[in-house]
C-alpha atoms as a PDB file:
ATOM      1  CA  MET A   1     196.727  21.147  65.404  1.00  0.00           C
ATOM      2  CA  ALA A   2     196.643  19.304  68.703  1.00  0.00           C
ATOM      3  CA  THR A   3     199.635  18.271  70.733  1.00  0.00           C
ATOM      4  CA  ILE A   4     199.425  14.955  72.539  1.00  0.00           C
ATOM      5  CA  GLU A   5     201.477  13.145  75.145  1.00  0.00           C
ATOM      6  CA  VAL A   6     202.313   9.503  74.468  1.00  0.00           C
ATOM      7  CA  SER A   7     204.042   6.894  76.554  1.00  0.00           C
ATOM      8  CA  ASP A   8     207.736   6.152  76.168  1.00  0.00           C
ATOM      9  CA  GLU A   9     206.738   2.748  74.805  1.00  0.00           C
ATOM     10  CA  ILE A  10     204.774   4.348  71.957  1.00  0.00           C
ATOM     11  CA  LYS A  11     207.593   6.805  71.248  1.00  0.00           C
ATOM     12  CA  GLU A  12     210.041   3.911  70.962  1.00  0.00           C
ATOM     13  CA  HIS A  13     207.685   1.996  68.723  1.00  0.00           C
ATOM     14  CA  ILE A  14     207.351   4.988  66.384  1.00  0.00           C
ATOM     15  CA  LYS A  15     211.123   5.426  66.282  1.00  0.00           C
ATOM     16  CA  ALA A  16     211.652   1.726  65.599  1.00  0.00           C
ATOM     17  CA  LEU A  17     209.160   1.699  62.731  1.00  0.00           C
ATOM     18  CA  ALA A  18     210.660   4.838  61.231  1.00  0.00           C
ATOM     19  CA  THR A  19     214.133   3.342  61.369  1.00  0.00           C
ATOM     20  CA  GLU A  20     213.102  -0.081  60.086  1.00  0.00           C
ATOM     21  CA  PHE A  21     211.196   1.263  57.096  1.00  0.00           C
ATOM     22  CA  GLY A  22     213.269   4.355  56.363  1.00  0.00           C
ATOM     23  CA  LYS A  23     210.401   6.768  56.987  1.00  0.00           C
ATOM     24  CA  SER A  24     210.180   9.847  59.143  1.00  0.00           C
ATOM     25  CA  GLU A  25     208.448   9.688  62.500  1.00  0.00           C
ATOM     26  CA  ALA A  26     205.973  12.246  61.161  1.00  0.00           C
ATOM     27  CA  THR A  27     205.093   9.910  58.285  1.00  0.00           C
ATOM     28  CA  ILE A  28     204.543   7.016  60.687  1.00  0.00           C
ATOM     29  CA  LEU A  29     202.266   9.169  62.858  1.00  0.00           C
ATOM     30  CA  ARG A  30     200.342  10.575  59.888  1.00  0.00           C
ATOM     31  CA  LEU A  31     199.693   7.099  58.486  1.00  0.00           C
ATOM     32  CA  ALA A  32     198.671   5.786  61.905  1.00  0.00           C
ATOM     33  CA  LEU A  33     196.165   8.622  62.291  1.00  0.00           C
ATOM     34  CA  GLU A  34     194.798   8.332  58.774  1.00  0.00           C
ATOM     35  CA  ASN A  35     194.306   4.585  59.057  1.00  0.00           C
ATOM     36  CA  GLY A  36     193.093   4.654  62.643  1.00  0.00           C
ATOM     37  CA  MET A  37     190.468   7.372  62.249  1.00  0.00           C
ATOM     38  CA  GLU A  38     187.964   4.989  60.681  1.00  0.00           C
ATOM     39  CA  ASP A  39     188.385   2.569  63.594  1.00  0.00           C
ATOM     40  CA  VAL A  40     187.874   5.397  66.096  1.00  0.00           C
ATOM     41  CA  GLU A  41     184.780   6.581  64.250  1.00  0.00           C
ATOM     42  CA  ASP A  42     183.389   3.027  64.137  1.00  0.00           C
ATOM     43  CA  TYR A  43     183.998   2.643  67.878  1.00  0.00           C
ATOM     44  CA  PHE A  44     182.129   5.840  68.776  1.00  0.00           C
ATOM     45  CA  ARG A  45     179.247   5.055  66.388  1.00  0.00           C
ATOM     46  CA  ALA A  46     178.904   1.562  67.891  1.00  0.00           C
ATOM     47  CA  GLU A  47     179.010   2.996  71.410  1.00  0.00           C
ATOM     48  CA  ALA A  48     176.233   5.454  70.508  1.00  0.00           C
ATOM     49  CA  ALA A  49     174.143   2.664  68.945  1.00  0.00           C
ATOM     50  CA  VAL A  50     174.445   0.551  72.095  1.00  0.00           C
ATOM     51  CA  LYS A  51     173.262   3.509  74.187  1.00  0.00           C
ATOM     52  CA  ARG A  52     170.256   4.005  71.890  1.00  0.00           C
ATOM     53  CA  LEU A  53     169.410   0.306  72.227  1.00  0.00           C
ATOM     54  CA  GLN A  54     169.760   0.433  76.012  1.00  0.00           C
ATOM     55  CA  THR A  55     167.469   3.448  76.307  1.00  0.00           C
ATOM     56  CA  GLY A  56     164.876   1.982  73.945  1.00  0.00           C
ATOM     57  CA  GLU A  57     165.397   4.768  71.423  1.00  0.00           C
ATOM     58  CA  GLU A  58     166.319   2.139  68.840  1.00  0.00           C
ATOM     59  CA  HIS A  59     165.274  -1.491  68.428  1.00  0.00           C
ATOM     60  CA  THR A  60     166.584  -4.577  66.681  1.00  0.00           C
ATOM     61  CA  ILE A  61     164.662  -6.894  64.380  1.00  0.00           C
ATOM     62  CA  PRO A  62     165.341 -10.636  64.520  1.00  0.00           C
ATOM     63  CA  LEU A  63     166.806 -12.127  61.324  1.00  0.00           C
ATOM     64  CA  GLU A  64     163.782 -14.399  60.941  1.00  0.00           C
ATOM     65  CA  GLU A  65     161.518 -11.330  60.826  1.00  0.00           C
ATOM     66  CA  VAL A  66     163.676  -9.637  58.182  1.00  0.00           C
ATOM     67  CA  GLU A  67     163.685 -12.824  56.097  1.00  0.00           C
ATOM     68  CA  ARG A  68     159.877 -13.080  56.417  1.00  0.00           C
ATOM     69  CA  ARG A  69     159.319  -9.419  55.484  1.00  0.00           C
ATOM     70  CA  PHE A  70     161.427  -9.718  52.353  1.00  0.00           C
ATOM     71  CA  GLY A  71     160.276 -13.166  51.316  1.00  0.00           C
ATOM     72  CA  LEU A  72     163.607 -14.808  52.089  1.00  0.00           C
ATOM     73  CA  ALA A  73     162.329 -17.327  54.617  1.00  0.00           C
ATOM     74  CA  ASP A  74     162.528 -21.016  53.721  1.00  0.00           C
END
């Protein structure tokens, strides 16, 4: 498992949450990681998609075109 350095501000925030809710600091950190992993994954996937768009490897389709293709246009 990795060891990370965090700011004093984050350490204090973790301690405050643990105290306020009667949980261990390890529980607070575990929950933060579990719930934050999806956000981190989404961020990196979005970043990769933007790069593919910028390099022309991937393209977008205007909504009007999608509606036309699937017979959803007015």
